[in-house]
Amino acid sequence: MGDKSMTTYKSRLSFRAKRLKSFLNTFKASKRGMFGIAILIFFGVLAVGAPVFTPYDPLLSTNLAGSSAAPAVPSWARYLPGGDSLSENLEPIVDPYFSSPDSLKEWNISVVPYVSNVLVEQIPGISVTKVGTQYGSLAVAYNRRGRIEAPIEFKVTISKKFSYPYNGPPARFMATIAMLFERLNNVTVRVKVFVQQGWLESKTPDTFQYTRFDWGTGKNGAVETFSEATLTSDRSYLSWVYPKETIGFQDPKNLKSAFPKSGDYYFGVEMSFTDLRSTDNAKATIFLDNLNIRLYGTAFGLLGTTKVGQDLFSQLIYGARVSLFIGLLASLLSIVIGLFIGLISAYLGGFADELLMRLTDAMLVLPTLPLLIVLMTVMRGASMEIIIILVGVLGWMGFARVVRSQVLSLKERPYIEAAKAVGAGTAHILTQHIIPNVMSLVYVTLAMSVPSAIVAEAALSWLGYRDVNRISWGRILFEVRDANAYRDWWWVVPPGLSIALVSLSFILLGYALDEILNPKLRVRR
């Protein structure tokens, strides 16, 4: 008996394998079906391989380039007519944290006039910011013992020469420095951070060729701007990031003055020491790191940036995940609901049929998009899960009616009557005889309903009802509307075209399946 069951099982398995092979061979002959599959594979690879194709998070990676007033355009726009004034990101500093002795090689360090008791060196293990795995900093130490006959004044300048290759100014730039002052006794220290074009000696303080920023520590360690200040505390910490909100260094006129043309520029810090005491000892030790400058260009990446500096290409490929996920799950949910209601309504008939069909009719006359908006507003949230549930629950009615009409025909077939005659129950008849014969409808309807779900999500997102924690193609279009960037076609066209292509792929797939699974259409071919 066991051998007979095994033989039957193998026979069924072989039959199913042959039928699947025949289906695949038939499907390969469908140009529309293969074209639809090719589009889906393309977007599927983008969705799955998003972390490989881009290093940026679509939402968390902000301020990558451009400014809030002018988002960055695509990098390839530099090679179009009029693109010679565009610039790209530039980070000239290799090791701003002085994590190793080799980091001193990229800096020019000078003490003018020369003072023998000044020491400038890289210190491992001591860091102001403690960023990374290798801690380090640059230490500037001054130590004078005994009396002096005249005041001692000198400057320690730490600068980096870098090449700016673009004809146009950056969208903005950010300079950073962190300093730790220890054992400041009888010494006045004045600090300047500068960005300058040309040789260091040609300083023009009132222009952006030599932009001067002075600061010091006030009471209780608060950071304040000053022209001259004496740091007297034993241990003062200073961390500074430029530009501050009150300065607004994104002004195009200022940026044009700071970086008027391509050429060599200098960035660094100048520390002016003044030792006025004629008696006692004097000492000062300053640790500094995170001495860095970043220039944010007006062109970035394949598709540019949003108004908050997010990478649009990253949003596009990560958005494929959400849009496909919502489209497939919402369609699957609507198919399951429609299949269940259609089966029960047609097979049971009578009061159950009347009740379910009147419910279906009532749902059919409701305007879907306005109802979705009302429900989103009532729920006070638009998470991806809520969008899937609402789109799925409001999309089953048409399929339920199709299933009902098919089941009404199937349940009168002789093999159903024969199954009832031998005592088969309702569950057995539905699962073994009815459902297998309506599965072709399920496949075709699933393929045809995914575009509707994707478009519904895109419409909701465009209206502002989107998941704030996830990016989708519809949300990208919402950001376009929010930024009033309709003229930036590289921002508008890619998500819209992606929605159209994915919708087209499922429609082509649905037509191909219908041609293969529908006997009438198969005969016509």
Protein backbone atom coordinates (compact mmCIF):
# COMPACT_ATOMS: atom_id res chain seq x y z
CA MET A 1 0.00 0.00 0.00
CA GLY A 2 2.86 2.31 0.81
CA ASP A 3 4.55 1.62 -2.55
CA LYS A 4 1.32 2.40 -4.34
CA SER A 5 0.93 5.73 -2.50
CA MET A 6 4.54 6.65 -3.29
CA THR A 7 4.00 5.81 -6.96
CA THR A 8 0.87 7.97 -7.04
CA TYR A 9 2.72 10.85 -5.36
CA LYS A 10 5.59 10.64 -7.84
CA SER A 11 3.15 10.51 -10.70
CA ARG A 12 1.40 13.66 -9.52
CA LEU A 13 4.70 15.41 -8.95
CA SER A 14 5.88 14.48 -12.45
CA PHE A 15 2.61 15.71 -13.95
CA ARG A 16 2.89 19.06 -12.14
CA ALA A 17 6.50 19.46 -13.23
CA LYS A 18 5.56 18.83 -16.86
CA ARG A 19 2.67 21.27 -16.61
CA LEU A 20 4.93 23.93 -15.10
CA LYS A 21 7.51 23.37 -17.83
CA SER A 22 4.83 23.69 -20.49
CA PHE A 23 3.56 26.90 -18.88
CA LEU A 24 7.04 28.40 -18.79
CA ASN A 25 7.69 27.50 -22.42
CA THR A 26 4.41 29.13 -23.40
CA PHE A 27 5.17 32.19 -21.28
CA LYS A 28 8.59 32.61 -22.90
CA ALA A 29 6.88 32.91 -26.25
CA SER A 30 4.92 35.94 -24.99
CA LYS A 31 6.86 39.11 -25.79
CA ARG A 32 4.64 41.21 -23.57
CA GLY A 33 5.11 38.86 -20.65
CA MET A 34 8.89 38.73 -21.03
CA PHE A 35 9.12 42.51 -21.33
CA GLY A 36 7.07 42.89 -18.15
CA ILE A 37 9.29 40.38 -16.33
CA ALA A 38 12.42 42.24 -17.48
CA ILE A 39 11.11 45.51 -16.04
CA LEU A 40 10.24 43.82 -12.74
CA ILE A 41 13.66 42.18 -12.53
CA PHE A 42 15.31 45.56 -13.10
CA PHE A 43 13.41 47.28 -10.31
CA GLY A 44 13.71 44.21 -8.09
CA VAL A 45 17.50 44.30 -8.40
CA LEU A 46 17.45 48.02 -7.57
CA ALA A 47 15.28 47.42 -4.52
CA VAL A 48 17.28 44.50 -3.13
CA GLY A 49 20.70 45.93 -3.99
CA ALA A 50 20.01 49.49 -2.81
CA PRO A 51 22.71 49.40 -0.07
CA VAL A 52 25.22 48.29 -2.72
CA PHE A 53 24.31 50.94 -5.27
CA THR A 54 24.46 53.88 -2.87
CA PRO A 55 26.19 54.52 0.48
CA TYR A 56 23.61 57.08 1.59
CA ASP A 57 20.50 56.58 3.67
CA PRO A 58 17.53 58.01 1.73
CA LEU A 59 16.20 59.95 4.73
CA LEU A 60 18.91 60.18 7.39
CA SER A 61 21.76 61.29 5.10
CA THR A 62 21.09 65.03 4.88
CA ASN A 63 23.11 68.11 3.91
CA LEU A 64 25.10 66.08 1.38
CA ALA A 65 25.34 68.98 -1.06
CA GLY A 66 23.58 72.13 -2.16
CA SER A 67 21.69 74.37 0.25
CA SER A 68 18.13 74.82 1.43
CA ALA A 69 17.72 77.71 -0.99
CA ALA A 70 19.18 75.84 -3.97
CA PRO A 71 19.27 72.02 -3.98
CA ALA A 72 22.15 70.48 -5.89
CA VAL A 73 21.59 69.52 -9.52
CA PRO A 74 22.91 66.22 -10.99
CA SER A 75 26.67 66.02 -11.49
CA TRP A 76 26.32 65.33 -15.20
CA ALA A 77 24.80 68.80 -15.61
CA ARG A 78 28.36 70.15 -15.35
CA TYR A 79 29.03 68.80 -18.83
CA LEU A 80 26.01 70.47 -20.39
CA PRO A 81 25.99 74.00 -21.82
CA GLY A 82 26.11 76.48 -18.97
CA GLY A 83 27.35 73.88 -16.48
CA ASP A 84 30.89 75.25 -16.19
CA SER A 85 29.84 77.36 -13.18
CA LEU A 86 28.73 74.33 -11.16
CA SER A 87 30.85 72.84 -8.40
CA GLU A 88 30.98 69.52 -6.58
CA ASN A 89 31.77 68.49 -3.02
CA LEU A 90 35.35 68.90 -1.91
CA GLU A 91 36.96 67.61 1.30
CA PRO A 92 40.64 68.54 1.11
CA ILE A 93 41.63 67.45 4.62
CA VAL A 94 42.73 63.81 4.84
CA ASP A 95 43.09 63.38 8.61
CA PRO A 96 41.46 66.28 10.49
CA TYR A 97 41.72 64.42 13.82
CA PHE A 98 45.52 64.02 13.84
CA SER A 99 45.14 60.33 14.58
CA SER A 100 48.72 59.43 13.58
CA PRO A 101 52.12 61.14 13.28
CA ASP A 102 51.80 60.95 9.48
CA SER A 103 48.86 63.36 9.65
CA LEU A 104 51.30 66.23 10.22
CA LYS A 105 52.68 65.79 6.72
CA GLU A 106 49.68 67.42 5.09
CA TRP A 107 49.91 70.57 7.24
CA ASN A 108 52.30 73.49 7.05
CA ILE A 109 53.26 74.48 10.62
CA SER A 110 55.13 77.70 11.31
CA VAL A 111 56.15 79.69 14.41
CA VAL A 112 56.79 83.38 13.62
CA PRO A 113 58.96 84.79 15.06
CA TYR A 114 60.76 81.65 16.06
CA VAL A 115 60.60 80.89 19.81
CA SER A 116 62.73 78.09 21.14
CA ASN A 117 60.42 77.03 23.96
CA VAL A 118 57.44 76.31 21.66
CA LEU A 119 56.71 72.69 20.79
CA VAL A 120 54.20 71.52 18.18
CA GLU A 121 53.67 67.77 17.87
CA GLN A 122 51.08 65.04 17.35
CA ILE A 123 49.95 63.46 20.61
CA PRO A 124 48.45 59.94 20.46
CA GLY A 125 45.79 58.90 22.93
CA ILE A 126 44.62 62.44 23.74
CA SER A 127 41.64 63.65 21.72
CA VAL A 128 39.30 66.58 22.05
CA THR A 129 36.41 65.06 20.10
CA LYS A 130 37.22 61.33 20.51
CA VAL A 131 35.99 60.40 17.04
CA GLY A 132 37.09 57.13 15.46
CA THR A 133 39.16 54.29 16.84
CA GLN A 134 42.56 56.00 16.84
CA TYR A 135 42.56 58.93 19.20
CA GLY A 136 44.99 61.74 18.68
CA SER A 137 45.40 65.51 18.56
CA LEU A 138 47.85 68.23 17.70
CA ALA A 139 49.47 69.81 20.76
CA VAL A 140 50.90 73.32 20.85
CA ALA A 141 52.88 73.86 24.06
CA TYR A 142 54.61 77.03 25.31
CA ASN A 143 56.66 76.95 28.49
CA ARG A 144 58.69 79.87 29.82
CA ARG A 145 60.64 79.73 33.07
CA GLY A 146 61.98 82.78 34.92
CA ARG A 147 61.82 86.45 34.14
CA ILE A 148 61.66 88.13 30.75
CA GLU A 149 62.89 91.62 29.95
CA ALA A 150 60.38 92.34 27.19
CA PRO A 151 56.99 90.94 26.13
CA ILE A 152 57.07 87.84 23.96
CA GLU A 153 54.67 87.71 21.04
CA PHE A 154 54.55 84.98 18.41
CA LYS A 155 52.11 83.24 16.12
CA VAL A 156 51.66 79.53 15.48
CA THR A 157 50.02 78.94 12.10
CA ILE A 158 48.74 75.52 11.01
CA SER A 159 47.56 75.62 7.41
CA LYS A 160 46.71 73.31 4.53
CA LYS A 161 47.04 74.26 0.88
CA PHE A 162 44.36 72.77 -1.37
CA SER A 163 43.28 73.15 -4.95
CA TYR A 164 39.77 74.35 -5.79
CA PRO A 165 39.17 73.16 -9.38
CA TYR A 166 35.76 74.70 -10.08
CA ASN A 167 34.94 78.00 -11.78
CA GLY A 168 31.82 78.57 -9.69
CA PRO A 169 31.52 78.93 -5.90
CA PRO A 170 30.24 76.13 -3.66
CA ALA A 171 26.68 76.16 -2.38
CA ARG A 172 28.07 76.51 1.16
CA PHE A 173 31.00 75.40 3.24
CA MET A 174 31.50 74.24 6.80
CA ALA A 175 34.68 74.63 8.82
CA THR A 176 35.17 72.90 12.17
CA ILE A 177 37.72 72.95 14.95
CA ALA A 178 37.81 71.60 18.49
CA MET A 179 40.35 72.92 21.01
CA LEU A 180 41.25 72.06 24.56
CA PHE A 181 43.18 74.66 26.58
CA GLU A 182 45.18 73.43 29.54
CA ARG A 183 47.49 75.17 32.04
CA LEU A 184 47.14 78.70 30.65
CA ASN A 185 49.25 80.78 33.03
CA ASN A 186 50.13 84.42 32.30
CA VAL A 187 49.53 83.99 28.56
CA THR A 188 46.97 85.60 26.26
CA VAL A 189 45.86 83.50 23.30
CA ARG A 190 43.98 84.81 20.30
CA VAL A 191 42.68 82.31 17.76
CA LYS A 192 41.75 82.83 14.12
CA VAL A 193 40.42 80.33 11.60
CA PHE A 194 40.90 81.43 8.02
CA VAL A 195 40.10 80.57 4.44
CA GLN A 196 42.33 82.43 2.04
CA GLN A 197 43.23 82.49 -1.63
CA GLY A 198 46.88 82.90 -2.54
CA TRP A 199 49.95 82.97 -0.35
CA LEU A 200 49.49 83.33 3.42
CA GLU A 201 51.35 86.60 3.71
CA SER A 202 48.95 88.45 1.40
CA LYS A 203 46.25 88.93 4.02
CA THR A 204 43.33 91.23 3.39
CA PRO A 205 41.32 91.16 6.64
CA ASP A 206 38.23 92.95 5.34
CA THR A 207 37.56 90.60 2.44
CA PHE A 208 36.79 86.92 2.10
CA GLN A 209 40.29 86.31 0.77
CA TYR A 210 41.20 86.17 4.42
CA THR A 211 38.03 85.49 6.38
CA ARG A 212 38.66 86.01 10.08
CA PHE A 213 36.77 84.33 12.90
CA ASP A 214 37.79 85.06 16.50
CA TRP A 215 36.33 83.42 19.54
CA GLY A 216 37.01 82.49 23.14
CA THR A 217 35.41 81.03 26.23
CA GLY A 218 33.24 83.19 28.42
CA LYS A 219 32.01 82.49 31.89
CA ASN A 220 30.98 78.91 32.75
CA GLY A 221 32.71 77.69 29.60
CA ALA A 222 30.18 79.25 27.21
CA VAL A 223 31.44 79.88 23.70
CA GLU A 224 31.21 83.49 22.55
CA THR A 225 32.54 85.58 19.69
CA PHE A 226 35.28 88.09 20.52
CA SER A 227 38.10 90.12 19.03
CA GLU A 228 40.61 89.83 21.85
CA ALA A 229 40.34 87.59 24.87
CA THR A 230 42.53 86.04 27.50
CA LEU A 231 41.91 82.40 28.37
CA THR A 232 42.70 82.08 32.05
CA SER A 233 40.97 78.89 33.16
CA ASP A 234 43.07 75.82 33.85
CA ARG A 235 41.10 73.67 31.46
CA SER A 236 38.83 75.27 28.85
CA TYR A 237 37.10 73.37 26.06
CA LEU A 238 36.16 75.02 22.80
CA SER A 239 34.24 73.43 19.95
CA TRP A 240 33.13 75.49 16.99
CA VAL A 241 31.25 74.86 13.78
CA TYR A 242 30.89 77.46 11.05
CA PRO A 243 28.67 78.86 9.69
CA LYS A 244 26.46 79.78 12.60
CA GLU A 245 22.77 80.38 11.90
CA THR A 246 23.11 84.09 12.71
CA ILE A 247 25.83 84.61 10.09
CA GLY A 248 24.09 82.99 7.12
CA PHE A 249 27.16 82.11 5.06
CA GLN A 250 25.01 80.66 2.26
CA ASP A 251 24.66 84.10 0.69
CA PRO A 252 25.73 83.67 -2.98
CA LYS A 253 27.55 87.03 -2.95
CA ASN A 254 29.66 86.02 0.05
CA LEU A 255 30.41 82.62 -1.43
CA LYS A 256 31.47 84.20 -4.69
CA SER A 257 33.82 86.44 -2.73
CA ALA A 258 35.24 83.54 -0.74
CA PHE A 259 35.83 81.29 -3.78
CA PRO A 260 35.87 83.64 -6.78
CA LYS A 261 37.61 81.23 -9.13
CA SER A 262 39.56 78.03 -9.40
CA GLY A 263 43.02 77.99 -7.90
CA ASP A 264 45.00 77.32 -4.74
CA TYR A 265 43.50 78.14 -1.37
CA TYR A 266 44.66 77.90 2.21
CA PHE A 267 42.68 76.79 5.24
CA GLY A 268 43.97 76.71 8.77
CA VAL A 269 44.16 78.19 12.23
CA GLU A 270 46.38 80.95 13.55
CA MET A 271 47.08 81.17 17.29
CA SER A 272 48.62 84.44 18.53
CA PHE A 273 50.41 84.10 21.88
CA THR A 274 51.26 87.10 24.04
CA ASP A 275 53.40 86.75 27.16
CA LEU A 276 53.46 90.15 28.95
CA ARG A 277 54.57 89.11 32.42
CA SER A 278 58.10 90.07 33.45
CA THR A 279 58.14 87.74 36.44
CA ASP A 280 56.92 84.29 37.27
CA ASN A 281 56.66 81.43 34.87
CA ALA A 282 54.29 81.27 31.90
CA LYS A 283 52.87 78.26 30.16
CA ALA A 284 50.16 77.31 27.75
CA THR A 285 49.16 73.96 26.27
CA ILE A 286 46.56 73.71 23.53
CA PHE A 287 45.23 70.45 22.05
CA LEU A 288 43.28 70.70 18.83
CA ASP A 289 41.64 68.30 16.39
CA ASN A 290 38.74 68.13 13.96
CA LEU A 291 40.45 70.91 12.04
CA ASN A 292 38.49 70.46 8.87
CA ILE A 293 36.73 72.23 6.04
CA ARG A 294 34.08 70.77 3.76
CA LEU A 295 32.85 72.49 0.65
CA TYR A 296 29.38 71.47 -0.51
CA GLY A 297 28.91 71.75 -4.23
CA THR A 298 26.03 72.91 -6.39
CA ALA A 299 26.07 69.54 -8.26
CA PHE A 300 25.90 66.09 -6.69
CA GLY A 301 25.27 62.48 -7.66
CA LEU A 302 23.18 61.09 -10.48
CA LEU A 303 20.00 63.00 -9.66
CA GLY A 304 21.04 65.83 -7.35
CA THR A 305 19.65 66.46 -3.87
CA THR A 306 16.45 67.55 -2.14
CA LYS A 307 16.08 70.87 -0.35
CA VAL A 308 17.51 69.29 2.83
CA GLY A 309 20.44 67.75 0.99
CA GLN A 310 19.21 64.14 0.64
CA ASP A 311 20.45 62.10 -2.31
CA LEU A 312 17.65 61.74 -4.85
CA PHE A 313 19.16 58.65 -6.47
CA SER A 314 19.21 56.90 -3.09
CA GLN A 315 15.57 57.87 -2.55
CA LEU A 316 14.64 56.54 -5.98
CA ILE A 317 16.14 53.07 -5.52
CA TYR A 318 15.06 52.72 -1.89
CA GLY A 319 11.61 53.94 -2.92
CA ALA A 320 11.34 50.94 -5.23
CA ARG A 321 11.31 48.73 -2.12
CA VAL A 322 8.40 50.51 -0.47
CA SER A 323 6.33 51.01 -3.62
CA LEU A 324 6.69 47.37 -4.72
CA PHE A 325 6.09 46.11 -1.19
CA ILE A 326 2.94 48.18 -0.76
CA GLY A 327 1.67 47.30 -4.24
CA LEU A 328 2.15 43.55 -3.83
CA LEU A 329 0.88 43.22 -0.26
CA ALA A 330 -2.12 45.52 -0.74
CA SER A 331 -3.08 43.65 -3.92
CA LEU A 332 -2.62 40.28 -2.22
CA LEU A 333 -4.83 41.40 0.67
CA SER A 334 -7.57 42.59 -1.69
CA ILE A 335 -7.35 39.32 -3.68
CA VAL A 336 -7.69 37.21 -0.52
CA ILE A 337 -10.70 39.19 0.68
CA GLY A 338 -12.35 39.17 -2.74
CA LEU A 339 -11.70 35.44 -3.20
CA PHE A 340 -13.19 34.58 0.19
CA ILE A 341 -16.31 36.72 -0.24
CA GLY A 342 -16.87 35.59 -3.84
CA LEU A 343 -16.52 31.89 -2.93
CA ILE A 344 -18.79 32.05 0.10
CA SER A 345 -21.39 34.19 -1.62
CA ALA A 346 -21.70 32.00 -4.73
CA TYR A 347 -21.42 28.59 -3.09
CA LEU A 348 -23.76 29.19 -0.17
CA GLY A 349 -26.28 31.30 -2.06
CA GLY A 350 -29.52 32.44 -0.46
CA PHE A 351 -29.34 34.99 2.34
CA ALA A 352 -25.52 34.88 2.57
CA ASP A 353 -25.26 35.65 -1.16
CA GLU A 354 -27.73 38.52 -0.91
CA LEU A 355 -26.04 40.05 2.13
CA LEU A 356 -22.50 39.82 0.76
CA MET A 357 -23.42 41.17 -2.66
CA ARG A 358 -25.30 44.15 -1.21
CA LEU A 359 -22.22 44.86 0.93
CA THR A 360 -20.10 44.66 -2.22
CA ASP A 361 -22.42 47.02 -4.07
CA ALA A 362 -22.30 49.50 -1.19
CA MET A 363 -18.49 49.41 -1.19
CA LEU A 364 -18.35 49.81 -4.97
CA VAL A 365 -20.18 53.14 -4.97
CA LEU A 366 -17.86 54.70 -2.40
CA PRO A 367 -15.20 57.03 -3.87
CA THR A 368 -11.95 55.28 -3.02
CA LEU A 369 -9.45 58.14 -2.84
CA PRO A 370 -11.61 60.56 -0.79
CA LEU A 371 -12.48 57.68 1.56
CA LEU A 372 -8.79 56.85 1.95
CA ILE A 373 -8.05 60.49 2.80
CA VAL A 374 -10.84 60.56 5.40
CA LEU A 375 -9.65 57.31 6.99
CA MET A 376 -6.03 58.53 7.06
CA THR A 377 -7.14 61.71 8.79
CA VAL A 378 -9.24 59.81 11.33
CA MET A 379 -6.38 57.43 12.15
CA ARG A 380 -3.99 60.37 12.55
CA GLY A 381 -1.16 58.49 10.94
CA ALA A 382 -0.02 57.15 7.61
CA SER A 383 2.33 54.29 8.34
CA MET A 384 3.11 51.83 5.58
CA GLU A 385 1.11 49.12 7.35
CA ILE A 386 -2.00 51.32 7.55
CA ILE A 387 -1.67 52.24 3.86
CA ILE A 388 -1.44 48.55 2.90
CA ILE A 389 -4.49 47.62 4.98
CA LEU A 390 -6.67 50.48 3.74
CA VAL A 391 -5.75 50.08 0.07
CA GLY A 392 -6.27 46.31 0.32
CA VAL A 393 -9.59 46.54 2.17
CA LEU A 394 -10.97 49.03 -0.34
CA GLY A 395 -9.89 47.12 -3.46
CA TRP A 396 -11.54 43.68 -3.34
CA MET A 397 -15.06 44.39 -4.62
CA GLY A 398 -14.59 43.94 -8.36
CA PHE A 399 -12.66 40.69 -7.94
CA ALA A 400 -15.31 39.32 -5.55
CA ARG A 401 -18.00 39.76 -8.19
CA VAL A 402 -15.83 38.06 -10.85
CA VAL A 403 -15.14 35.11 -8.53
CA ARG A 404 -18.83 34.82 -7.66
CA SER A 405 -19.86 34.57 -11.31
CA GLN A 406 -17.17 31.94 -11.96
CA VAL A 407 -18.13 29.85 -8.91
CA LEU A 408 -21.83 30.00 -9.82
CA SER A 409 -20.89 28.27 -13.07
CA LEU A 410 -18.48 25.79 -11.50
CA LYS A 411 -20.74 24.53 -8.74
CA GLU A 412 -23.25 23.22 -11.33
CA ARG A 413 -20.64 21.08 -13.09
CA PRO A 414 -21.07 17.29 -13.02
CA TYR A 415 -17.86 16.62 -11.09
CA ILE A 416 -19.12 18.86 -8.25
CA GLU A 417 -22.39 16.91 -8.16
CA ALA A 418 -20.42 13.67 -8.14
CA ALA A 419 -18.30 14.90 -5.21
CA LYS A 420 -21.43 15.77 -3.26
CA ALA A 421 -22.91 12.35 -4.07
CA VAL A 422 -19.95 10.52 -2.52
CA GLY A 423 -20.25 12.62 0.64
CA ALA A 424 -17.59 15.30 0.13
CA GLY A 425 -18.00 18.24 2.47
CA THR A 426 -18.13 21.94 1.62
CA ALA A 427 -14.52 22.55 2.65
CA HIS A 428 -13.28 19.66 0.50
CA ILE A 429 -15.23 20.78 -2.55
CA LEU A 430 -14.03 24.37 -2.20
CA THR A 431 -10.36 23.55 -1.66
CA GLN A 432 -10.05 20.60 -4.05
CA HIS A 433 -12.43 21.49 -6.88
CA ILE A 434 -13.53 25.13 -6.83
CA ILE A 435 -10.41 27.10 -5.82
CA PRO A 436 -8.02 25.31 -8.26
CA ASN A 437 -10.36 26.26 -11.09
CA VAL A 438 -10.43 29.94 -10.18
CA MET A 439 -6.70 30.31 -9.56
CA SER A 440 -6.14 31.53 -13.10
CA LEU A 441 -8.38 34.49 -12.21
CA VAL A 442 -6.32 35.04 -9.07
CA TYR A 443 -3.03 35.23 -10.96
CA VAL A 444 -4.34 37.57 -13.63
CA THR A 445 -6.19 39.85 -11.20
CA LEU A 446 -3.21 40.02 -8.85
CA ALA A 447 -0.98 41.17 -11.69
CA MET A 448 -3.54 43.72 -12.87
CA SER A 449 -4.33 45.15 -9.41
CA VAL A 450 -0.75 45.89 -8.31
CA PRO A 451 -0.55 49.04 -10.48
CA SER A 452 -3.73 50.39 -8.86
CA ALA A 453 -2.27 49.88 -5.39
CA ILE A 454 1.02 51.56 -6.33
CA VAL A 455 -0.77 54.52 -7.87
CA ALA A 456 -3.08 54.79 -4.83
CA GLU A 457 -0.07 54.94 -2.49
CA ALA A 458 1.60 57.50 -4.74
CA ALA A 459 -1.55 59.64 -4.77
CA LEU A 460 -1.81 59.52 -0.98
CA SER A 461 1.86 60.37 -0.54
CA TRP A 462 1.62 63.23 -3.01
CA LEU A 463 -1.25 64.64 -0.95
CA GLY A 464 0.86 64.41 2.20
CA TYR A 465 -0.48 61.14 3.65
CA ARG A 466 2.81 59.25 3.67
CA ASP A 467 4.91 57.23 6.07
CA VAL A 468 7.37 59.73 7.52
CA ASN A 469 9.86 56.95 8.32
CA ARG A 470 10.07 55.48 4.81
CA ILE A 471 10.66 56.83 1.35
CA SER A 472 8.52 55.89 -1.63
CA TRP A 473 8.12 57.20 -5.15
CA GLY A 474 4.96 58.97 -4.12
CA ARG A 475 6.73 60.68 -1.24
CA ILE A 476 9.45 61.90 -3.62
CA LEU A 477 6.72 63.61 -5.65
CA PHE A 478 5.33 65.10 -2.44
CA GLU A 479 8.76 66.58 -1.70
CA VAL A 480 8.74 68.07 -5.21
CA ARG A 481 5.45 69.77 -4.47
CA ASP A 482 6.62 70.88 -1.03
CA ALA A 483 9.77 72.44 -2.50
CA ASN A 484 7.88 73.85 -5.51
CA ALA A 485 10.53 72.23 -7.70
CA TYR A 486 8.36 71.31 -10.67
CA ARG A 487 10.94 72.76 -13.06
CA ASP A 488 13.63 70.39 -11.77
CA TRP A 489 12.72 67.60 -14.17
CA TRP A 490 15.45 65.28 -12.82
CA TRP A 491 13.50 65.37 -9.53
CA VAL A 492 10.04 64.94 -11.06
CA VAL A 493 10.49 62.56 -13.99
CA PRO A 494 12.37 59.57 -12.43
CA PRO A 495 9.78 58.67 -9.74
CA GLY A 496 6.87 59.30 -12.10
CA LEU A 497 8.51 57.24 -14.83
CA SER A 498 9.27 54.46 -12.33
CA ILE A 499 5.63 54.30 -11.26
CA ALA A 500 4.56 54.15 -14.90
CA LEU A 501 7.07 51.43 -15.82
CA VAL A 502 6.25 49.18 -12.86
CA SER A 503 2.53 49.60 -13.53
CA LEU A 504 3.12 48.79 -17.20
CA SER A 505 5.12 45.69 -16.31
CA PHE A 506 2.30 44.23 -14.20
CA ILE A 507 -0.27 45.08 -16.86
CA LEU A 508 1.81 43.32 -19.52
CA LEU A 509 2.27 40.38 -17.16
CA GLY A 510 -1.47 40.24 -16.57
CA TYR A 511 -2.25 40.21 -20.30
CA ALA A 512 0.32 37.48 -20.87
CA LEU A 513 -1.13 35.31 -18.10
CA ASP A 514 -4.63 35.89 -19.40
CA GLU A 515 -3.60 34.76 -22.88
CA ILE A 516 -2.03 31.60 -21.47
CA LEU A 517 -4.61 30.66 -18.84
CA ASN A 518 -7.79 31.74 -20.64
CA PRO A 519 -8.83 28.86 -22.97
CA LYS A 520 -10.77 31.15 -25.29
CA LEU A 521 -7.82 33.47 -25.83
CA ARG A 522 -5.47 30.51 -26.18
CA VAL A 523 -7.62 29.07 -28.96
CA ARG A 524 -7.60 32.39 -30.83
CA ARG A 525 -3.82 32.39 -30.87
